[in-house]
Structures are given as structure tokens and as C-alpha cells.
Amino acid sequence: MQDERVRLARLQQESLLAAQEELNVAGGLGVRKLIQQASSQLQASLCIVDSDGRLISSHGIMAPQALKVAKCCLATKKTTSSAGNYEDSNYLIHRLDAHGDRFHLLVILAARQFSSYDRSIVKHCAGLADILVQRPASLRKARSELHTLALATLLGENSSSEILARVFESAADTTGRVRAAVVCGDSEHFLNRALTHFDAELAAANRYLFSLEVGSASTLLLFRGTRTPAEIREFFGPNAKSLRIAVGAPMHWSTLNLKIVEDLTVAARTLELGTLIGPQYVGTNWIAQAPVRKALDARSRQTIDRLIEHDTVHDTELVATLEAYLRAAGSLSATASATRVHRHTIRSRIELIAEICEVDLRDPFTRAELLLIILSRSA
């Protein structure tokens, strides 16, 4: 009996360490990714608000209720770390360290009691969030310049182009050229891990990350124009084997546009895992041709668009699940492994997807058609 207790305790500790490492990886990509990861691990809804009640980040189906709890605490000045009940749910509140008169509250809301394991996860998340929401003096100048750019753009001031030039100077080479690359993973987890490694490489070289999400598990990155595709791949180290990478041609930063990004995204998403292609192949894929895209978009309105609407309304992940399932050639086990979701949950999601789209996902032709539709979407 004692041996079994020791074994279970060891397994729980190993699980906790793995969960904390996943939070560390997510935290490296910002507070929003951290909150999403914690929400997934805890199967709960989270939000962070500042002392003025402004929402910093939130995630989960009950995020609006979590925000109400936070604002109620601020209104009643009950801003210490605490636990309690809200309607039919339970909440935990962590007050993060104050910075002058400013502080933040992390609120976790779930329809169940929180275990000691949950509380350990929450404590670790709160520690990371505390670091992320601080505003060190070293970042104030950069943030102020971005605020100036936003204001100048809003007012249509010509000076915004001068500010843009200063911002992109750190991403471009000496002639002002950049290389755009779209990086895709099978899941947010693998992509986030690769981006964390990439950001660490940039930090070691005293350079900054320029990135933008362009779809599910897909991110646009900027490199100096002198970087070769092979050098870009090296930035991701061993994580490159979990990525699909499409690299564009060197260009002046001011000429980068949405069409270029769309071509890179389509090219990247059609690659085999672990593959990189250069600019000579981007834009030549037949899926990107107008007649094909028109036909696929028409079919998408009958299928994938329904899933997008369901995901938006119900905060589900049916589109991402379907893509993983189609890439896995209809294997539930491979889909569960790729998405890090239990096999039974995947089965239920696939049944719901088939019902919403009114398709037979057992049919290989149908699976191939839907995969082409998903790959043809640029976002």
C-alpha cells in the first residue's frame, strides 16, 4: 500500500512538472498564450484584469463570468487572493504583485472543486503572469513608440511612415530588405515550442521577434533579407522537424502585402511535416489558382464555414480537430496524439463534425476534398 502511494505521488509530481514546463513554453509567447494553455490544463476559464477593471486576457467558455467575478471583487475592494463560489461554479483569485498603484487579478472559474494539483498549476501560472504583465522601464520607450504609431495611423499623419521605418529597421538588413516566412505546425503546442526556441535564438543575438498569427497553428515571421532559407530553418533547431516552412523572396519591408502572406500560407500548409520550400515554389501551387480556389470556397460554405461558425459561437476547436484528423488519414489515435486530446473526445468531435457538415468522414474521397478546402484557406 505504501509503495503504491509513493508511486502515485511520483506520477503526480511528474505530471505537474510536465504541465509547468508547458506553461513556461506558452508564457514565452506572451500572456494570451499562457492563459490559453492554463485554461486547457485546468479545464477552466481564466481572465486577468488590471486594478482599473480593464481586461488584459481571457480564455474559456465561462470567461465572461470570470470577468464578472473580477469586477465584483474590484468593486467591493476584495482584492486579496481568495476562493469562493459564483452561481454554480467555483473560483480562485490570485492577486499579482503590485507595481506602484497598479496591480492585476488572475481569476480561474470552473464548474468543479479545485484540487491541490489544480492549485499548484494556478500558482505557477500566476507567477508567470506576474512577470508578463509587468512593464519594465526598458520596454517603455518601445511601447510608447508603438502607441505613437497607432495614434499617427489613426489620425492619418504622414509621420507614421517615419515611425514604421524605425520599427522595421531592427528586422531588415542594411538595405531595408526582409524575408517573410510562414511557419505551420500540426498543433499550437508544437508551433509554440518552436517559436519559443526561435525567440531565444533572437534574444541571444540581441534581435527582436516580428510575428503575426495567420491562421490555426500558423505564424508569419520576418527575417533579415540576407538570411537564406537554410539559415532560417536552423533558427528552429530540432523543432524544425515538427514544422512546415515557406520562405519568401527578399524584399523591401514596405512592399510586403497580404497577397504575399496568403501565398506563403497556402504553400506552407500543403507541405509535408518537416519540409521547407523557398520562394521559387511559393505561389505556383495549383491550389492557389483562382478557378480552383473559387470551387473550393463554394464547397467550404457548405462545410468548413459551418464549423467555423460553431467554433465561434461555442468556443470549440472543431476546425483544428478536423484538419488534424484529415492529415492523419482518418486515424483517431494519430489525431489524438497530434492534438494531445483523448481519443474518446476526438471520436465525439468527429461525429459532431460529420453531423454539422452533413458528410461521411469514413469516405476517403470526402476526407481528401475537405483537406483541400482547409488547405486552400489563407486564415
Protein backbone atom coordinates (compact mmCIF):
# COMPACT_ATOMS: atom_id res chain seq x y z
CA MET A 1 0.00 0.00 0.00
CA GLN A 2 2.82 2.39 0.91
CA ASP A 3 4.63 1.59 -2.34
CA GLU A 4 1.51 2.36 -4.34
CA ARG A 5 1.08 5.72 -2.61
CA VAL A 6 4.70 6.57 -3.35
CA ARG A 7 4.25 5.57 -6.99
CA LEU A 8 1.09 7.66 -7.39
CA ALA A 9 2.76 10.64 -5.71
CA ARG A 10 5.73 10.34 -8.07
CA LEU A 11 3.45 10.17 -11.13
CA GLN A 12 1.53 13.23 -9.99
CA GLN A 13 4.77 15.13 -9.44
CA GLU A 14 6.00 14.18 -12.92
CA SER A 15 2.68 15.28 -14.39
CA LEU A 16 2.89 18.58 -12.54
CA LEU A 17 6.44 19.24 -13.78
CA ALA A 18 5.37 18.48 -17.37
CA ALA A 19 2.38 20.82 -17.04
CA GLN A 20 4.58 23.58 -15.60
CA GLU A 21 7.02 23.20 -18.50
CA GLU A 22 4.14 23.58 -20.95
CA LEU A 23 3.13 26.77 -19.15
CA ASN A 24 6.72 28.01 -19.39
CA VAL A 25 6.70 27.44 -23.15
CA ALA A 26 3.35 29.20 -23.56
CA GLY A 27 4.47 32.06 -21.33
CA GLY A 28 7.44 32.63 -23.61
CA LEU A 29 4.93 33.67 -26.30
CA GLY A 30 3.02 36.12 -24.14
CA VAL A 31 0.24 36.36 -21.62
CA ARG A 32 -2.52 35.35 -24.06
CA LYS A 33 -0.84 32.05 -24.89
CA LEU A 34 -0.18 31.47 -21.19
CA ILE A 35 -3.86 31.93 -20.32
CA GLN A 36 -4.95 29.64 -23.17
CA GLN A 37 -2.58 26.90 -22.02
CA ALA A 38 -3.63 27.17 -18.37
CA SER A 39 -7.29 27.08 -19.40
CA SER A 40 -6.67 23.88 -21.34
CA GLN A 41 -4.74 22.22 -18.50
CA LEU A 42 -7.27 23.15 -15.82
CA GLN A 43 -10.37 22.68 -17.99
CA ALA A 44 -11.43 26.03 -16.60
CA SER A 45 -11.99 29.62 -17.70
CA LEU A 46 -9.43 32.31 -16.84
CA CYS A 47 -9.06 36.03 -17.08
CA ILE A 48 -6.59 38.70 -15.99
CA VAL A 49 -7.75 42.24 -15.24
CA ASP A 50 -5.86 45.26 -14.01
CA SER A 51 -6.79 47.32 -10.97
CA ASP A 52 -8.99 49.56 -13.14
CA GLY A 53 -11.05 46.60 -14.31
CA ARG A 54 -9.56 46.51 -17.81
CA LEU A 55 -9.36 43.04 -19.34
CA ILE A 56 -5.79 42.00 -20.15
CA SER A 57 -6.55 38.49 -21.43
CA SER A 58 -9.15 35.75 -21.06
CA HIS A 59 -9.96 32.27 -22.35
CA GLY A 60 -12.63 29.64 -21.84
CA ILE A 61 -16.36 29.27 -22.30
CA MET A 62 -17.07 30.90 -18.91
CA ALA A 63 -14.59 33.76 -19.41
CA PRO A 64 -17.37 36.41 -19.25
CA GLN A 65 -18.44 35.06 -15.85
CA ALA A 66 -14.82 35.06 -14.65
CA LEU A 67 -14.59 38.70 -15.69
CA LYS A 68 -17.74 39.46 -13.69
CA VAL A 69 -16.14 37.85 -10.61
CA ALA A 70 -13.03 40.00 -11.08
CA LYS A 71 -15.01 43.23 -11.46
CA CYS A 72 -17.17 42.38 -8.45
CA CYS A 73 -14.04 41.90 -6.34
CA LEU A 74 -12.66 45.24 -7.51
CA ALA A 75 -15.97 47.00 -6.86
CA THR A 76 -16.13 45.63 -3.32
CA LYS A 77 -12.36 46.10 -2.79
CA LYS A 78 -11.95 42.39 -2.01
CA THR A 79 -8.71 42.14 -3.96
CA THR A 80 -6.70 39.67 -1.90
CA SER A 81 -6.08 36.12 -3.09
CA SER A 82 -9.14 34.05 -2.20
CA ALA A 83 -11.53 31.26 -3.21
CA GLY A 84 -15.30 31.10 -3.35
CA ASN A 85 -18.45 30.30 -5.30
CA TYR A 86 -20.14 32.14 -8.14
CA GLU A 87 -23.58 30.89 -9.16
CA ASP A 88 -22.99 27.14 -9.76
CA SER A 89 -19.21 27.45 -10.21
CA ASN A 90 -16.09 27.71 -8.06
CA TYR A 91 -13.43 30.36 -8.42
CA LEU A 92 -9.88 31.07 -7.35
CA ILE A 93 -8.45 34.59 -7.30
CA HIS A 94 -4.75 35.39 -7.28
CA ARG A 95 -3.64 38.95 -6.75
CA LEU A 96 -0.42 39.53 -8.64
CA ASP A 97 2.34 41.75 -7.26
CA ALA A 98 1.63 45.48 -7.29
CA HIS A 99 3.71 47.88 -9.37
CA GLY A 100 3.16 51.28 -7.82
CA ASP A 101 -0.60 51.76 -7.52
CA ARG A 102 -1.25 49.24 -10.27
CA PHE A 103 -1.96 45.55 -9.69
CA HIS A 104 -3.63 42.66 -11.51
CA LEU A 105 -6.06 39.89 -10.60
CA LEU A 106 -5.97 36.40 -12.07
CA VAL A 107 -9.39 34.70 -11.85
CA ILE A 108 -9.99 31.00 -12.50
CA LEU A 109 -13.58 29.71 -12.79
CA ALA A 110 -14.67 26.07 -13.10
CA ALA A 111 -17.80 24.00 -12.55
CA ARG A 112 -15.99 21.75 -10.06
CA GLN A 113 -13.87 21.88 -6.93
CA PHE A 114 -10.19 22.72 -7.35
CA SER A 115 -7.71 20.04 -6.27
CA SER A 116 -4.29 20.58 -4.75
CA TYR A 117 -2.86 19.73 -8.18
CA ASP A 118 -5.02 22.46 -9.77
CA ARG A 119 -3.85 24.96 -7.16
CA SER A 120 -0.22 24.16 -7.95
CA ILE A 121 -0.88 24.80 -11.64
CA VAL A 122 -2.64 28.06 -10.81
CA LYS A 123 0.21 29.20 -8.57
CA HIS A 124 2.76 28.55 -11.32
CA CYS A 125 0.57 30.31 -13.89
CA ALA A 126 0.18 33.30 -11.57
CA GLY A 127 3.96 33.56 -11.16
CA LEU A 128 4.48 33.61 -14.92
CA ALA A 129 1.60 36.03 -15.47
CA ASP A 130 3.09 38.35 -12.87
CA ILE A 131 6.28 38.58 -14.92
CA LEU A 132 4.45 39.06 -18.21
CA VAL A 133 2.13 41.87 -17.12
CA GLN A 134 4.94 43.96 -15.65
CA ARG A 135 6.07 46.92 -17.70
CA PRO A 136 9.83 47.23 -17.18
CA ALA A 137 11.38 50.62 -17.85
CA SER A 138 13.47 49.08 -20.63
CA LEU A 139 10.27 48.41 -22.61
CA ARG A 140 8.60 51.76 -22.07
CA LYS A 141 10.35 53.51 -24.96
CA ALA A 142 9.42 50.78 -27.45
CA ARG A 143 5.83 50.63 -26.21
CA SER A 144 5.50 54.42 -26.31
CA GLU A 145 6.76 54.45 -29.89
CA LEU A 146 4.20 51.84 -30.88
CA HIS A 147 1.48 53.91 -29.20
CA THR A 148 2.67 56.94 -31.18
CA LEU A 149 2.50 54.89 -34.39
CA ALA A 150 -1.05 53.73 -33.60
CA LEU A 151 -2.17 57.29 -32.90
CA ALA A 152 -0.48 58.67 -36.03
CA THR A 153 -2.08 55.93 -38.15
CA LEU A 154 -5.50 56.64 -36.64
CA LEU A 155 -5.20 60.34 -37.46
CA GLY A 156 -3.68 59.74 -40.90
CA GLU A 157 -0.47 61.58 -40.09
CA ASN A 158 2.34 61.27 -42.63
CA SER A 159 4.80 60.88 -39.77
CA SER A 160 3.57 57.30 -39.29
CA SER A 161 5.77 56.15 -42.19
CA GLU A 162 8.85 57.51 -40.41
CA ILE A 163 7.91 55.61 -37.25
CA LEU A 164 7.31 52.43 -39.27
CA ALA A 165 10.77 52.76 -40.78
CA ARG A 166 12.31 52.94 -37.30
CA VAL A 167 10.31 49.93 -36.13
CA PHE A 168 11.23 47.73 -39.11
CA GLU A 169 14.86 48.84 -39.08
CA SER A 170 15.62 46.16 -36.50
CA ALA A 171 14.06 43.44 -38.68
CA ALA A 172 15.59 44.45 -42.03
CA ASP A 173 19.11 44.22 -43.43
CA THR A 174 21.20 47.29 -44.27
CA THR A 175 19.23 47.88 -47.49
CA GLY A 176 15.84 47.66 -45.75
CA ARG A 177 15.03 44.18 -47.09
CA VAL A 178 13.26 41.43 -45.16
CA ARG A 179 12.30 37.83 -45.83
CA ALA A 180 8.79 36.78 -44.89
CA ALA A 181 8.22 33.18 -43.86
CA VAL A 182 5.07 31.36 -42.78
CA VAL A 183 5.59 28.58 -40.25
CA CYS A 184 2.87 25.97 -39.61
CA GLY A 185 2.63 23.13 -37.09
CA ASP A 186 0.25 20.27 -36.53
CA SER A 187 -0.88 21.94 -33.31
CA GLU A 188 -0.43 25.13 -31.30
CA HIS A 189 1.71 23.17 -28.84
CA PHE A 190 4.40 22.23 -31.37
CA LEU A 191 4.33 25.65 -33.00
CA ASN A 192 4.65 27.45 -29.66
CA ARG A 193 7.59 25.28 -28.67
CA ALA A 194 9.35 26.10 -31.96
CA LEU A 195 8.64 29.82 -31.63
CA THR A 196 9.99 29.85 -28.08
CA HIS A 197 13.25 28.31 -29.33
CA PHE A 198 13.35 30.82 -32.19
CA ASP A 199 12.77 33.78 -29.87
CA ALA A 200 15.57 32.56 -27.60
CA GLU A 201 17.92 32.47 -30.60
CA LEU A 202 16.91 36.04 -31.48
CA ALA A 203 17.40 37.21 -27.89
CA ALA A 204 20.91 35.73 -27.87
CA ALA A 205 21.68 37.81 -30.98
CA ASN A 206 20.04 40.91 -29.42
CA ARG A 207 17.34 40.96 -32.11
CA TYR A 208 13.56 41.18 -31.82
CA LEU A 209 10.71 38.88 -32.81
CA PHE A 210 8.39 40.06 -35.60
CA SER A 211 5.45 37.66 -35.78
CA LEU A 212 1.76 37.56 -36.61
CA GLU A 213 -0.76 34.72 -36.39
CA VAL A 214 -2.20 34.00 -39.85
CA GLY A 215 -4.40 31.01 -39.07
CA SER A 216 -4.71 27.93 -36.92
CA ALA A 217 -1.19 26.89 -35.77
CA SER A 218 0.30 29.20 -38.43
CA THR A 219 2.51 32.25 -37.89
CA LEU A 220 4.12 34.85 -40.15
CA LEU A 221 7.73 35.70 -39.25
CA LEU A 222 10.14 38.32 -40.58
CA PHE A 223 13.86 37.73 -41.08
CA ARG A 224 16.62 39.93 -42.47
CA GLY A 225 16.73 39.86 -46.25
CA THR A 226 20.23 38.37 -46.24
CA ARG A 227 19.07 35.19 -44.48
CA THR A 228 18.93 32.07 -46.64
CA PRO A 229 16.10 29.51 -46.33
CA ALA A 230 18.60 27.03 -44.84
CA GLU A 231 19.67 29.56 -42.19
CA ILE A 232 16.02 30.26 -41.38
CA ARG A 233 15.43 26.56 -40.81
CA GLU A 234 18.42 26.40 -38.44
CA PHE A 235 16.81 29.02 -36.19
CA PHE A 236 14.27 26.40 -35.10
CA GLY A 237 16.82 23.71 -34.25
CA PRO A 238 15.34 20.24 -33.69
CA ASN A 239 11.83 21.75 -33.68
CA ALA A 240 12.05 22.19 -37.47
CA LYS A 241 11.02 18.56 -37.93
CA SER A 242 7.60 19.47 -36.44
CA LEU A 243 7.06 22.40 -38.82
CA ARG A 244 6.09 23.28 -42.38
CA ILE A 245 8.00 26.37 -43.54
CA ALA A 246 7.50 28.50 -46.67
CA VAL A 247 10.08 31.25 -47.21
CA GLY A 248 9.54 34.23 -49.50
CA ALA A 249 11.99 36.25 -51.58
CA PRO A 250 13.97 39.17 -50.09
CA MET A 251 12.01 42.42 -50.48
CA HIS A 252 11.90 45.89 -49.01
CA TRP A 253 9.79 45.81 -45.87
CA SER A 254 7.37 48.41 -47.28
CA THR A 255 6.40 46.12 -50.20
CA LEU A 256 5.20 43.23 -48.05
CA ASN A 257 1.46 42.79 -48.56
CA LEU A 258 -1.43 40.47 -47.76
CA LYS A 259 -1.25 38.63 -51.12
CA ILE A 260 2.34 37.61 -50.42
CA VAL A 261 1.36 36.38 -46.96
CA GLU A 262 -1.60 34.44 -48.37
CA ASP A 263 0.62 32.71 -50.96
CA LEU A 264 3.14 31.77 -48.28
CA THR A 265 0.39 30.45 -46.01
CA VAL A 266 -1.18 28.26 -48.70
CA ALA A 267 2.25 26.95 -49.72
CA ALA A 268 3.27 26.15 -46.13
CA ARG A 269 0.07 24.35 -45.22
CA THR A 270 0.31 21.99 -48.21
CA LEU A 271 3.81 20.77 -47.25
CA GLU A 272 4.79 17.53 -45.60
CA LEU A 273 5.76 17.89 -41.94
CA GLY A 274 9.43 18.82 -41.55
CA THR A 275 9.63 20.36 -45.03
CA LEU A 276 10.85 23.82 -46.11
CA ILE A 277 10.41 25.44 -49.52
CA GLY A 278 11.94 28.62 -50.90
CA PRO A 279 10.46 31.48 -52.97
CA GLN A 280 10.85 29.64 -56.29
CA TYR A 281 7.95 27.35 -55.30
CA VAL A 282 5.71 29.79 -53.44
CA GLY A 283 2.67 30.91 -55.43
CA THR A 284 2.99 28.15 -58.04
CA ASN A 285 0.83 25.63 -56.19
CA TRP A 286 -2.29 24.76 -58.19
CA ILE A 287 -4.47 25.07 -55.08
CA ALA A 288 -3.83 28.83 -55.14
CA GLN A 289 -5.11 29.21 -58.70
CA ALA A 290 -8.30 31.28 -58.97
CA PRO A 291 -10.67 28.72 -60.57
CA VAL A 292 -9.67 26.03 -58.07
CA ARG A 293 -9.98 28.39 -55.12
CA LYS A 294 -13.41 29.52 -56.32
CA ALA A 295 -14.71 25.94 -56.46
CA LEU A 296 -13.21 25.05 -53.08
CA ASP A 297 -14.57 28.23 -51.46
CA ALA A 298 -18.06 27.38 -52.72
CA ARG A 299 -17.84 23.92 -51.15
CA SER A 300 -16.37 25.46 -48.00
CA ARG A 301 -19.52 27.49 -47.45
CA GLN A 302 -21.42 24.20 -47.22
CA THR A 303 -18.95 22.53 -44.83
CA ILE A 304 -15.98 24.22 -43.18
CA ASP A 305 -17.71 27.57 -42.75
CA ARG A 306 -20.35 25.82 -40.64
CA LEU A 307 -17.60 24.54 -38.34
CA ILE A 308 -16.04 28.00 -38.10
CA GLU A 309 -19.40 29.40 -37.04
CA HIS A 310 -19.82 26.62 -34.45
CA ASP A 311 -16.31 27.25 -33.08
CA THR A 312 -17.02 30.97 -32.80
CA VAL A 313 -20.35 30.53 -31.02
CA HIS A 314 -19.43 27.62 -28.73
CA ASP A 315 -15.67 28.22 -28.24
CA THR A 316 -14.84 24.77 -29.64
CA GLU A 317 -11.94 23.57 -31.80
CA LEU A 318 -13.72 21.57 -34.49
CA VAL A 319 -11.83 23.04 -37.46
CA ALA A 320 -8.43 22.31 -35.89
CA THR A 321 -9.60 18.81 -34.91
CA LEU A 322 -10.85 18.11 -38.41
CA GLU A 323 -7.59 19.25 -40.02
CA ALA A 324 -5.56 17.01 -37.71
CA TYR A 325 -7.94 14.10 -38.44
CA LEU A 326 -7.67 14.61 -42.20
CA ARG A 327 -3.88 14.89 -42.11
CA ALA A 328 -3.85 11.65 -40.08
CA ALA A 329 -5.79 9.90 -42.89
CA GLY A 330 -8.78 9.33 -40.63
CA SER A 331 -6.88 7.72 -37.74
CA LEU A 332 -8.42 8.58 -34.37
CA SER A 333 -5.29 7.51 -32.48
CA ALA A 334 -2.96 9.63 -34.62
CA THR A 335 -5.34 12.59 -34.33
CA ALA A 336 -5.46 12.24 -30.54
CA SER A 337 -1.65 12.13 -30.42
CA ALA A 338 -1.25 15.17 -32.67
CA THR A 339 -3.81 17.28 -30.81
CA ARG A 340 -2.99 15.99 -27.31
CA VAL A 341 -6.69 15.26 -26.77
CA HIS A 342 -8.15 11.95 -25.52
CA ARG A 343 -9.17 9.51 -28.23
CA HIS A 344 -12.77 9.30 -26.98
CA THR A 345 -13.05 13.09 -27.15
CA ILE A 346 -11.72 13.05 -30.71
CA ARG A 347 -14.30 10.42 -31.66
CA SER A 348 -17.13 12.59 -30.26
CA ARG A 349 -15.82 15.65 -32.08
CA ILE A 350 -15.56 13.80 -35.40
CA GLU A 351 -19.14 12.57 -35.06
CA LEU A 352 -20.29 16.14 -34.36
CA ILE A 353 -18.27 17.46 -37.34
CA ALA A 354 -19.84 14.89 -39.66
CA GLU A 355 -23.29 15.91 -38.42
CA ILE A 356 -22.68 19.66 -38.83
CA CYS A 357 -21.10 19.34 -42.29
CA GLU A 358 -23.50 16.58 -43.39
CA VAL A 359 -20.67 14.45 -44.75
CA ASP A 360 -19.42 10.88 -44.36
CA LEU A 361 -15.91 11.15 -42.96
CA ARG A 362 -15.37 7.43 -43.46
CA ASP A 363 -15.20 8.10 -47.21
CA PRO A 364 -11.56 8.75 -48.35
CA PHE A 365 -12.78 10.99 -51.21
CA THR A 366 -14.71 13.17 -48.77
CA ARG A 367 -11.69 13.42 -46.48
CA ALA A 368 -9.47 14.42 -49.41
CA GLU A 369 -11.99 17.06 -50.53
CA LEU A 370 -12.25 18.60 -47.06
CA LEU A 371 -8.47 18.63 -46.62
CA LEU A 372 -8.10 20.57 -49.88
CA ILE A 373 -10.74 23.03 -48.70
CA ILE A 374 -8.94 23.61 -45.41
CA LEU A 375 -5.54 23.97 -47.11
CA SER A 376 -6.98 26.47 -49.58
CA ARG A 377 -7.97 28.82 -46.78
CA SER A 378 -5.41 31.51 -46.02
CA ALA A 379 -6.70 32.09 -42.50
